[in-house]
PDB file of N, CA and C in Angstrom:
ATOM      1  N   MET A   1      87.441 125.524   5.491  1.00  0.00           N
ATOM      2  CA  MET A   1      86.122 124.971   5.498  1.00  0.00           C
ATOM      3  C   MET A   1      86.120 123.447   5.373  1.00  0.00           C
ATOM      4  N   ASP A   2      85.199 122.892   5.802  1.00  0.00           N
ATOM      5  CA  ASP A   2      85.081 121.463   5.813  1.00  0.00           C
ATOM      6  C   ASP A   2      84.620 121.022   4.420  1.00  0.00           C
ATOM      7  N   ASN A   3      85.129 119.870   3.941  1.00  0.00           N
ATOM      8  CA  ASN A   3      84.825 119.407   2.650  1.00  0.00           C
ATOM      9  C   ASN A   3      83.263 119.157   2.436  1.00  0.00           C
ATOM     10  N   SER A   4      82.623 118.758   3.515  1.00  0.00           N
ATOM     11  CA  SER A   4      81.193 118.413   3.440  1.00  0.00           C
ATOM     12  C   SER A   4      80.424 119.690   3.211  1.00  0.00           C
ATOM     13  N   VAL A   5      80.947 120.826   3.760  1.00  0.00           N
ATOM     14  CA  VAL A   5      80.324 122.203   3.533  1.00  0.00           C
ATOM     15  C   VAL A   5      80.482 122.630   2.097  1.00  0.00           C
ATOM     16  N   ILE A   6      81.726 122.395   1.643  1.00  0.00           N
ATOM     17  CA  ILE A   6      81.954 122.847   0.198  1.00  0.00           C
ATOM     18  C   ILE A   6      81.255 121.848  -0.786  1.00  0.00           C
ATOM     19  N   GLU A   7      81.158 120.638  -0.489  1.00  0.00           N
ATOM     20  CA  GLU A   7      80.356 119.725  -1.252  1.00  0.00           C
ATOM     21  C   GLU A   7      78.922 120.116  -1.218  1.00  0.00           C
ATOM     22  N   ARG A   8      78.342 120.509  -0.115  1.00  0.00           N
ATOM     23  CA  ARG A   8      76.980 120.886   0.014  1.00  0.00           C
ATOM     24  C   ARG A   8      76.708 122.154  -0.748  1.00  0.00           C
ATOM     25  N   LEU A   9      77.620 123.125  -0.673  1.00  0.00           N
ATOM     26  CA  LEU A   9      77.471 124.427  -1.440  1.00  0.00           C
ATOM     27  C   LEU A   9      77.533 124.041  -2.967  1.00  0.00           C
ATOM     28  N   ALA A  10      78.330 123.210  -3.317  1.00  0.00           N
ATOM     29  CA  ALA A  10      78.505 122.781  -4.796  1.00  0.00           C
ATOM     30  C   ALA A  10      77.167 122.146  -5.211  1.00  0.00           C
ATOM     31  N   ASP A  11      76.565 121.264  -4.330  1.00  0.00           N
ATOM     32  CA  ASP A  11      75.249 120.661  -4.736  1.00  0.00           C
ATOM     33  C   ASP A  11      74.250 121.685  -4.759  1.00  0.00           C
ATOM     34  N   ILE A  12      74.181 122.693  -3.892  1.00  0.00           N
ATOM     35  CA  ILE A  12      73.188 123.717  -3.903  1.00  0.00           C
ATOM     36  C   ILE A  12      73.330 124.477  -5.206  1.00  0.00           C
ATOM     37  N   GLU A  13      74.657 124.800  -5.501  1.00  0.00           N
ATOM     38  CA  GLU A  13      74.796 125.591  -6.788  1.00  0.00           C
ATOM     39  C   GLU A  13      74.346 124.815  -8.048  1.00  0.00           C
ATOM     40  N   ARG A  14      74.597 123.445  -8.075  1.00  0.00           N
ATOM     41  CA  ARG A  14      74.191 122.652  -9.135  1.00  0.00           C
ATOM     42  C   ARG A  14      72.621 122.659  -9.223  1.00  0.00           C
ATOM     43  N   GLU A  15      72.045 122.465  -8.060  1.00  0.00           N
ATOM     44  CA  GLU A  15      70.551 122.489  -8.016  1.00  0.00           C
ATOM     45  C   GLU A  15      69.998 123.821  -8.505  1.00  0.00           C
ATOM     46  N   ALA A  16      70.643 124.885  -8.095  1.00  0.00           N
ATOM     47  CA  ALA A  16      70.227 126.210  -8.477  1.00  0.00           C
ATOM     48  C   ALA A  16      70.343 126.396  -9.978  1.00  0.00           C
ATOM     49  N   SER A  17      71.466 125.956 -10.503  1.00  0.00           N
ATOM     50  CA  SER A  17      71.711 125.942 -12.050  1.00  0.00           C
ATOM     51  C   SER A  17      70.657 125.244 -12.674  1.00  0.00           C
ATOM     52  N   GLY A  18      70.310 124.038 -12.212  1.00  0.00           N
ATOM     53  CA  GLY A  18      69.330 123.094 -12.817  1.00  0.00           C
ATOM     54  C   GLY A  18      67.987 123.841 -12.725  1.00  0.00           C
ATOM     55  N   LEU A  19      67.667 124.489 -11.656  1.00  0.00           N
ATOM     56  CA  LEU A  19      66.425 125.118 -11.513  1.00  0.00           C
ATOM     57  C   LEU A  19      66.259 126.344 -12.499  1.00  0.00           C
ATOM     58  N   VAL A  20      67.376 127.045 -12.718  1.00  0.00           N
ATOM     59  CA  VAL A  20      67.434 128.138 -13.594  1.00  0.00           C
ATOM     60  C   VAL A  20      67.227 127.621 -14.982  1.00  0.00           C
ATOM     61  N   GLU A  21      67.946 126.562 -15.352  1.00  0.00           N
ATOM     62  CA  GLU A  21      67.715 125.990 -16.733  1.00  0.00           C
ATOM     63  C   GLU A  21      66.375 125.515 -16.932  1.00  0.00           C
ATOM     64  N   LYS A  22      65.755 124.912 -15.910  1.00  0.00           N
ATOM     65  CA  LYS A  22      64.345 124.410 -16.019  1.00  0.00           C
ATOM     66  C   LYS A  22      63.405 125.584 -16.229  1.00  0.00           C
ATOM     67  N   ALA A  23      63.714 126.601 -15.466  1.00  0.00           N
ATOM     68  CA  ALA A  23      62.739 127.789 -15.447  1.00  0.00           C
ATOM     69  C   ALA A  23      62.980 128.474 -16.950  1.00  0.00           C
ATOM     70  N   GLU A  24      64.116 128.471 -17.498  1.00  0.00           N
ATOM     71  CA  GLU A  24      64.317 129.040 -18.813  1.00  0.00           C
ATOM     72  C   GLU A  24      63.600 128.162 -19.940  1.00  0.00           C
ATOM     73  N   ARG A  25      63.721 126.877 -19.765  1.00  0.00           N
ATOM     74  CA  ARG A  25      62.982 125.932 -20.720  1.00  0.00           C
ATOM     75  C   ARG A  25      61.513 126.087 -20.610  1.00  0.00           C
ATOM     76  N   GLU A  26      60.997 126.215 -19.377  1.00  0.00           N
ATOM     77  CA  GLU A  26      59.523 126.349 -19.154  1.00  0.00           C
ATOM     78  C   GLU A  26      59.159 127.784 -19.674  1.00  0.00           C
ATOM     79  N   SER A  27      59.973 128.701 -19.598  1.00  0.00           N
ATOM     80  CA  SER A  27      59.607 130.069 -20.048  1.00  0.00           C
ATOM     81  C   SER A  27      59.545 130.073 -21.639  1.00  0.00           C
ATOM     82  N   GLN A  28      60.483 129.294 -22.269  1.00  0.00           N
ATOM     83  CA  GLN A  28      60.570 129.220 -23.682  1.00  0.00           C
ATOM     84  C   GLN A  28      59.340 128.370 -24.181  1.00  0.00           C
ATOM     85  N   GLU A  29      59.008 127.353 -23.439  1.00  0.00           N
ATOM     86  CA  GLU A  29      57.866 126.566 -23.760  1.00  0.00           C
ATOM     87  C   GLU A  29      56.561 127.347 -23.761  1.00  0.00           C
ATOM     88  N   LEU A  30      56.424 128.186 -22.665  1.00  0.00           N
ATOM     89  CA  LEU A  30      55.312 128.981 -22.454  1.00  0.00           C
ATOM     90  C   LEU A  30      55.212 130.073 -23.598  1.00  0.00           C
ATOM     91  N   THR A  31      56.318 130.672 -23.917  1.00  0.00           N
ATOM     92  CA  THR A  31      56.386 131.601 -24.951  1.00  0.00           C
ATOM     93  C   THR A  31      55.973 130.988 -26.307  1.00  0.00           C
ATOM     94  N   ALA A  32      56.573 129.770 -26.638  1.00  0.00           N
ATOM     95  CA  ALA A  32      56.136 129.083 -27.810  1.00  0.00           C
ATOM     96  C   ALA A  32      54.652 128.779 -27.836  1.00  0.00           C
ATOM     97  N   SER A  33      54.134 128.324 -26.683  1.00  0.00           N
ATOM     98  CA  SER A  33      52.724 128.018 -26.583  1.00  0.00           C
ATOM     99  C   SER A  33      51.885 129.179 -26.826  1.00  0.00           C
ATOM    100  N   TYR A  34      52.378 130.353 -26.210  1.00  0.00           N
ATOM    101  CA  TYR A  34      51.547 131.584 -26.343  1.00  0.00           C
ATOM    102  C   TYR A  34      51.532 132.037 -27.788  1.00  0.00           C
ATOM    103  N   GLU A  35      52.690 131.931 -28.434  1.00  0.00           N
ATOM    104  CA  GLU A  35      52.707 132.339 -29.854  1.00  0.00           C
ATOM    105  C   GLU A  35      51.945 131.524 -30.766  1.00  0.00           C
ATOM    106  N   ARG A  36      51.871 130.135 -30.494  1.00  0.00           N
ATOM    107  CA  ARG A  36      51.052 129.164 -31.280  1.00  0.00           C
ATOM    108  C   ARG A  36      49.490 129.575 -31.011  1.00  0.00           C
ATOM    109  N   ARG A  37      49.144 129.804 -29.820  1.00  0.00           N
ATOM    110  CA  ARG A  37      47.798 130.119 -29.445  1.00  0.00           C
ATOM    111  C   ARG A  37      47.406 131.503 -30.045  1.00  0.00           C
ATOM    112  N   THR A  38      48.333 132.461 -30.129  1.00  0.00           N
ATOM    113  CA  THR A  38      48.051 133.696 -30.750  1.00  0.00           C
ATOM    114  C   THR A  38      47.835 133.459 -32.199  1.00  0.00           C
ATOM    115  N   LEU A  39      48.680 132.735 -32.828  1.00  0.00           N
ATOM    116  CA  LEU A  39      48.652 132.486 -34.294  1.00  0.00           C
ATOM    117  C   LEU A  39      47.344 131.784 -34.581  1.00  0.00           C
ATOM    118  N   GLU A  40      46.936 130.803 -33.815  1.00  0.00           N
ATOM    119  CA  GLU A  40      45.675 130.059 -34.061  1.00  0.00           C
ATOM    120  C   GLU A  40      44.506 131.013 -33.897  1.00  0.00           C
ATOM    121  N   PHE A  41      44.531 131.826 -32.825  1.00  0.00           N
ATOM    122  CA  PHE A  41      43.438 132.827 -32.653  1.00  0.00           C
ATOM    123  C   PHE A  41      43.309 133.795 -33.773  1.00  0.00           C
ATOM    124  N   ASP A  42      44.495 134.295 -34.332  1.00  0.00           N
ATOM    125  CA  ASP A  42      44.578 135.204 -35.449  1.00  0.00           C
ATOM    126  C   ASP A  42      43.964 134.534 -36.679  1.00  0.00           C
ATOM    127  N   GLU A  43      44.344 133.234 -36.873  1.00  0.00           N
ATOM    128  CA  GLU A  43      43.808 132.518 -38.078  1.00  0.00           C
ATOM    129  C   GLU A  43      42.395 132.290 -37.997  1.00  0.00           C
ATOM    130  N   GLU A  44      41.903 131.992 -36.764  1.00  0.00           N
ATOM    131  CA  GLU A  44      40.435 131.735 -36.619  1.00  0.00           C
ATOM    132  C   GLU A  44      39.694 133.073 -36.805  1.00  0.00           C
ATOM    133  N   ALA A  45      40.137 134.115 -36.198  1.00  0.00           N
ATOM    134  CA  ALA A  45      39.542 135.465 -36.369  1.00  0.00           C
ATOM    135  C   ALA A  45      39.506 135.906 -37.752  1.00  0.00           C
ATOM    136  N   GLU A  46      40.525 135.739 -38.517  1.00  0.00           N
ATOM    137  CA  GLU A  46      40.608 136.039 -39.886  1.00  0.00           C
ATOM    138  C   GLU A  46      39.618 135.194 -40.766  1.00  0.00           C
ATOM    139  N   ALA A  47      39.533 133.912 -40.449  1.00  0.00           N
ATOM    140  CA  ALA A  47      38.593 133.064 -41.182  1.00  0.00           C
ATOM    141  C   ALA A  47      37.184 133.506 -40.890  1.00  0.00           C
ATOM    142  N   ALA A  48      36.877 133.788 -39.581  1.00  0.00           N
ATOM    143  CA  ALA A  48      35.531 134.277 -39.291  1.00  0.00           C
ATOM    144  C   ALA A  48      35.226 135.533 -39.890  1.00  0.00           C
ATOM    145  N   ALA A  49      36.201 136.475 -39.954  1.00  0.00           N
ATOM    146  CA  ALA A  49      35.950 137.787 -40.573  1.00  0.00           C
ATOM    147  C   ALA A  49      35.736 137.618 -42.127  1.00  0.00           C
ATOM    148  N   GLU A  50      36.546 136.718 -42.757  1.00  0.00           N
ATOM    149  CA  GLU A  50      36.332 136.530 -44.225  1.00  0.00           C
ATOM    150  C   GLU A  50      34.981 135.866 -44.435  1.00  0.00           C
ATOM    151  N   LYS A  51      34.460 134.930 -43.556  1.00  0.00           N
ATOM    152  CA  LYS A  51      33.207 134.372 -43.758  1.00  0.00           C
ATOM    153  C   LYS A  51      32.086 135.392 -43.626  1.00  0.00           C
ATOM    154  N   GLU A  52      32.232 136.179 -42.576  1.00  0.00           N
ATOM    155  CA  GLU A  52      31.228 137.330 -42.392  1.00  0.00           C
ATOM    156  C   GLU A  52      31.126 138.226 -43.597  1.00  0.00           C
ATOM    157  N   ILE A  53      32.324 138.617 -44.158  1.00  0.00           N
ATOM    158  CA  ILE A  53      32.362 139.477 -45.196  1.00  0.00           C
ATOM    159  C   ILE A  53      31.715 138.729 -46.429  1.00  0.00           C
ATOM    160  N   ALA A  54      32.013 137.509 -46.614  1.00  0.00           N
ATOM    161  CA  ALA A  54      31.427 136.722 -47.687  1.00  0.00           C
ATOM    162  C   ALA A  54      29.904 136.633 -47.640  1.00  0.00           C
ATOM    163  N   ASP A  55      29.478 136.451 -46.379  1.00  0.00           N
ATOM    164  CA  ASP A  55      28.042 136.357 -46.202  1.00  0.00           C
ATOM    165  C   ASP A  55      27.337 137.777 -46.392  1.00  0.00           C
ATOM    166  N   MET A  56      28.066 138.779 -45.942  1.00  0.00           N
ATOM    167  CA  MET A  56      27.418 140.162 -46.214  1.00  0.00           C
ATOM    168  C   MET A  56      27.434 140.448 -47.641  1.00  0.00           C
ATOM    169  N   ARG A  57      28.468 140.088 -48.369  1.00  0.00           N
ATOM    170  CA  ARG A  57      28.596 140.282 -49.822  1.00  0.00           C
ATOM    171  C   ARG A  57      27.426 139.551 -50.557  1.00  0.00           C
ATOM    172  N   ALA A  58      27.271 138.283 -50.156  1.00  0.00           N
ATOM    173  CA  ALA A  58      26.264 137.482 -50.766  1.00  0.00           C
ATOM    174  C   ALA A  58      24.832 138.128 -50.430  1.00  0.00           C
ATOM    175  N   SER A  59      24.601 138.558 -49.305  1.00  0.00           N
ATOM    176  CA  SER A  59      23.331 139.243 -48.863  1.00  0.00           C
ATOM    177  C   SER A  59      23.166 140.542 -49.715  1.00  0.00           C
ATOM    178  N   LEU A  60      24.152 141.291 -49.805  1.00  0.00           N
ATOM    179  CA  LEU A  60      24.020 142.574 -50.531  1.00  0.00           C
ATOM    180  C   LEU A  60      23.805 142.318 -51.990  1.00  0.00           C
ATOM    181  N   GLU A  61      24.462 141.295 -52.585  1.00  0.00           N
ATOM    182  CA  GLU A  61      24.262 140.921 -53.962  1.00  0.00           C
ATOM    183  C   GLU A  61      22.793 140.487 -54.216  1.00  0.00           C
ATOM    184  N   LYS A  62      22.278 139.724 -53.212  1.00  0.00           N
ATOM    185  CA  LYS A  62      20.926 139.182 -53.402  1.00  0.00           C
ATOM    186  C   LYS A  62      20.008 140.330 -53.341  1.00  0.00           C
ATOM    187  N   LYS A  63      20.214 141.358 -52.361  1.00  0.00           N
ATOM    188  CA  LYS A  63      19.300 142.435 -52.239  1.00  0.00           C
ATOM    189  C   LYS A  63      19.453 143.339 -53.513  1.00  0.00           C
ATOM    190  N   ASN A  64      20.564 143.447 -54.066  1.00  0.00           N
ATOM    191  CA  ASN A  64      20.815 144.199 -55.302  1.00  0.00           C
ATOM    192  C   ASN A  64      20.049 143.622 -56.445  1.00  0.00           C
ATOM    193  N   GLU A  65      20.075 142.265 -56.541  1.00  0.00           N
ATOM    194  CA  GLU A  65      19.387 141.608 -57.649  1.00  0.00           C
ATOM    195  C   GLU A  65      17.890 141.753 -57.453  1.00  0.00           C
ATOM    196  N   GLU A  66      17.366 141.668 -56.204  1.00  0.00           N
ATOM    197  CA  GLU A  66      16.040 141.883 -55.967  1.00  0.00           C
ATOM    198  C   GLU A  66      15.532 143.281 -56.318  1.00  0.00           C
ATOM    199  N   THR A  67      16.426 144.211 -55.972  1.00  0.00           N
ATOM    200  CA  THR A  67      16.010 145.615 -56.278  1.00  0.00           C
ATOM    201  C   THR A  67      16.014 145.869 -57.821  1.00  0.00           C
ATOM    202  N   MET A  68      17.003 145.282 -58.423  1.00  0.00           N
ATOM    203  CA  MET A  68      17.061 145.419 -59.953  1.00  0.00           C
ATOM    204  C   MET A  68      15.813 144.793 -60.625  1.00  0.00           C
ATOM    205  N   GLN A  69      15.435 143.586 -60.121  1.00  0.00           N
ATOM    206  CA  GLN A  69      14.258 143.002 -60.621  1.00  0.00           C
ATOM    207  C   GLN A  69      12.981 143.868 -60.381  1.00  0.00           C
ATOM    208  N   ALA A  70      12.951 144.446 -59.212  1.00  0.00           N
ATOM    209  CA  ALA A  70      11.723 145.307 -58.912  1.00  0.00           C
ATOM    210  C   ALA A  70      11.750 146.495 -59.817  1.00  0.00           C
ATOM    211  N   LEU A  71      12.888 147.043 -60.028  1.00  0.00           N
ATOM    212  CA  LEU A  71      13.057 148.228 -60.987  1.00  0.00           C
ATOM    213  C   LEU A  71      12.633 147.837 -62.311  1.00  0.00           C
ATOM    214  N   GLU A  72      13.125 146.725 -62.888  1.00  0.00           N
ATOM    215  CA  GLU A  72      12.724 146.246 -64.187  1.00  0.00           C
ATOM    216  C   GLU A  72      11.300 146.060 -64.289  1.00  0.00           C
ATOM    217  N   SER A  73      10.601 145.439 -63.284  1.00  0.00           N
ATOM    218  CA  SER A  73       9.222 145.279 -63.297  1.00  0.00           C
ATOM    219  C   SER A  73       8.458 146.582 -63.356  1.00  0.00           C
ATOM    220  N   GLU A  74       8.840 147.521 -62.456  1.00  0.00           N
ATOM    221  CA  GLU A  74       8.381 148.870 -62.475  1.00  0.00           C
ATOM    222  C   GLU A  74       8.492 149.519 -63.830  1.00  0.00           C
ATOM    223  N   MET A  75       9.596 149.477 -64.342  1.00  0.00           N
ATOM    224  CA  MET A  75       9.870 150.121 -65.722  1.00  0.00           C
ATOM    225  C   MET A  75       8.942 149.460 -66.799  1.00  0.00           C
ATOM    226  N   GLU A  76       8.825 148.133 -66.745  1.00  0.00           N
ATOM    227  CA  GLU A  76       7.914 147.561 -67.716  1.00  0.00           C
ATOM    228  C   GLU A  76       6.529 147.913 -67.502  1.00  0.00           C
ATOM    229  N   ARG A  77       6.097 147.997 -66.185  1.00  0.00           N
ATOM    230  CA  ARG A  77       4.591 148.431 -65.972  1.00  0.00           C
ATOM    231  C   ARG A  77       4.491 149.850 -66.496  1.00  0.00           C
ATOM    232  N   MET A  78       5.439 150.702 -66.212  1.00  0.00           N
ATOM    233  CA  MET A  78       5.305 152.183 -66.625  1.00  0.00           C
ATOM    234  C   MET A  78       5.310 152.254 -68.164  1.00  0.00           C
ATOM    235  N   ALA A  79       6.175 151.455 -68.806  1.00  0.00           N
ATOM    236  CA  ALA A  79       6.194 151.450 -70.338  1.00  0.00           C
ATOM    237  C   ALA A  79       4.877 150.902 -70.855  1.00  0.00           C
ATOM    238  N   SER A  80       4.311 149.950 -70.198  1.00  0.00           N
ATOM    239  CA  SER A  80       3.011 149.486 -70.614  1.00  0.00           C
ATOM    240  C   SER A  80       1.869 150.503 -70.471  1.00  0.00           C
ATOM    241  N   ILE A  81       1.952 151.262 -69.369  1.00  0.00           N
ATOM    242  CA  ILE A  81       1.016 152.323 -69.173  1.00  0.00           C
ATOM    243  C   ILE A  81       1.155 153.362 -70.213  1.00  0.00           C
ATOM    244  N   LEU A  82       2.403 153.763 -70.527  1.00  0.00           N
ATOM    245  CA  LEU A  82       2.587 154.732 -71.517  1.00  0.00           C
ATOM    246  C   LEU A  82       2.166 154.298 -72.958  1.00  0.00           C
ATOM    247  N   ASP A  83       2.387 153.031 -73.162  1.00  0.00           N
ATOM    248  CA  ASP A  83       1.951 152.381 -74.537  1.00  0.00           C
ATOM    249  C   ASP A  83       0.375 152.458 -74.538  1.00  0.00           C
ATOM    250  N   GLN A  84      -0.308 152.186 -73.509  1.00  0.00           N
ATOM    251  CA  GLN A  84      -1.757 152.174 -73.428  1.00  0.00           C
ATOM    252  C   GLN A  84      -2.221 153.563 -73.589  1.00  0.00           C
ATOM    253  N   GLU A  85      -1.580 154.549 -72.997  1.00  0.00           N
ATOM    254  CA  GLU A  85      -1.955 155.897 -73.126  1.00  0.00           C
ATOM    255  C   GLU A  85      -1.766 156.386 -74.561  1.00  0.00           C
ATOM    256  N   TYR A  86      -0.669 156.087 -75.097  1.00  0.00           N
ATOM    257  CA  TYR A  86      -0.318 156.431 -76.481  1.00  0.00           C
ATOM    258  C   TYR A  86      -1.357 155.883 -77.472  1.00  0.00           C
ATOM    259  N   GLU A  87      -1.653 154.539 -77.249  1.00  0.00           N
ATOM    260  CA  GLU A  87      -2.659 153.884 -78.136  1.00  0.00           C
ATOM    261  C   GLU A  87      -4.024 154.480 -78.012  1.00  0.00           C
ATOM    262  N   SER A  88      -4.363 154.850 -76.724  1.00  0.00           N
ATOM    263  CA  SER A  88      -5.725 155.378 -76.501  1.00  0.00           C
ATOM    264  C   SER A  88      -5.799 156.833 -77.119  1.00  0.00           C
ATOM    265  N   LYS A  89      -4.795 157.562 -77.131  1.00  0.00           N
ATOM    266  CA  LYS A  89      -4.876 158.920 -77.563  1.00  0.00           C
ATOM    267  C   LYS A  89      -4.330 159.172 -79.017  1.00  0.00           C
ATOM    268  N   ILE A  90      -3.725 158.170 -79.709  1.00  0.00           N
ATOM    269  CA  ILE A  90      -3.215 158.376 -81.009  1.00  0.00           C
ATOM    270  C   ILE A  90      -4.213 158.676 -82.062  1.00  0.00           C
ATOM    271  N   ASP A  91      -5.431 158.001 -81.922  1.00  0.00           N
ATOM    272  CA  ASP A  91      -6.503 158.408 -82.847  1.00  0.00           C
ATOM    273  C   ASP A  91      -7.015 159.762 -82.729  1.00  0.00           C
ATOM    274  N   THR A  92      -7.109 160.185 -81.459  1.00  0.00           N
ATOM    275  CA  THR A  92      -7.588 161.586 -81.034  1.00  0.00           C
ATOM    276  C   THR A  92      -6.557 162.558 -81.664  1.00  0.00           C
ATOM    277  N   ARG A  93      -5.339 162.349 -81.399  1.00  0.00           N
ATOM    278  CA  ARG A  93      -4.207 163.171 -81.921  1.00  0.00           C
ATOM    279  C   ARG A  93      -4.254 163.181 -83.455  1.00  0.00           C
ATOM    280  N   ALA A  94      -4.277 162.083 -84.055  1.00  0.00           N
ATOM    281  CA  ALA A  94      -4.326 161.993 -85.431  1.00  0.00           C
ATOM    282  C   ALA A  94      -5.509 162.795 -86.056  1.00  0.00           C
ATOM    283  N   ASP A  95      -6.614 162.665 -85.425  1.00  0.00           N
ATOM    284  CA  ASP A  95      -7.830 163.355 -85.889  1.00  0.00           C
ATOM    285  C   ASP A  95      -7.567 164.881 -85.753  1.00  0.00           C
ATOM    286  N   GLU A  96      -6.931 165.320 -84.605  1.00  0.00           N
ATOM    287  CA  GLU A  96      -6.664 166.717 -84.420  1.00  0.00           C
ATOM    288  C   GLU A  96      -5.744 167.256 -85.459  1.00  0.00           C
ATOM    289  N   ILE A  97      -4.714 166.420 -85.772  1.00  0.00           N
ATOM    290  CA  ILE A  97      -3.671 166.857 -86.809  1.00  0.00           C
ATOM    291  C   ILE A  97      -4.361 166.990 -88.174  1.00  0.00           C
ATOM    292  N   VAL A  98      -5.202 166.042 -88.523  1.00  0.00           N
ATOM    293  CA  VAL A  98      -5.891 165.979 -89.772  1.00  0.00           C
ATOM    294  C   VAL A  98      -6.827 167.170 -89.946  1.00  0.00           C
ATOM    295  N   LYS A  99      -7.500 167.446 -88.791  1.00  0.00           N
ATOM    296  CA  LYS A  99      -8.419 168.617 -88.709  1.00  0.00           C
ATOM    297  C   LYS A  99      -7.700 169.947 -88.896  1.00  0.00           C
ATOM    298  N   LYS A 100      -6.492 170.074 -88.220  1.00  0.00           N
ATOM    299  CA  LYS A 100      -5.681 171.252 -88.467  1.00  0.00           C
ATOM    300  C   LYS A 100      -5.239 171.434 -89.829  1.00  0.00           C
ATOM    301  N   ILE A 101      -4.866 170.316 -90.490  1.00  0.00           N
ATOM    302  CA  ILE A 101      -4.352 170.382 -91.872  1.00  0.00           C
ATOM    303  C   ILE A 101      -5.477 170.789 -92.797  1.00  0.00           C
ATOM    304  N   LEU A 102      -6.654 170.311 -92.552  1.00  0.00           N
ATOM    305  CA  LEU A 102      -7.747 170.594 -93.405  1.00  0.00           C
ATOM    306  C   LEU A 102      -8.363 171.991 -93.197  1.00  0.00           C
ATOM    307  N   GLU A 103      -8.093 172.632 -92.156  1.00  0.00           N
ATOM    308  CA  GLU A 103      -8.679 173.881 -91.813  1.00  0.00           C
ATOM    309  C   GLU A 103      -8.002 174.953 -92.714  1.00  0.00           C
TER     310      GLU A 103
END
């Protein structure tokens, strides 16, 4: 074979090797980029989920506090009604008891 043909084949092989190395580097860069973006996405998704959970927890705690306050108010109202009933009927009951004792 002619030296020029051998040299040309050697050049082609060097170029092919260079292209393969370039493709491997680009593949590694793409893989690293994908992994970085995946990690960033995961971190953002986790932060968003934690914020949503914190917001839900705060909302539930607020509703719970409001419910507790409403229950306390209702209990106080009912206790007041019972006290009023007791006060209004104690004299009548006392009179009935004294009447039974005297009979």
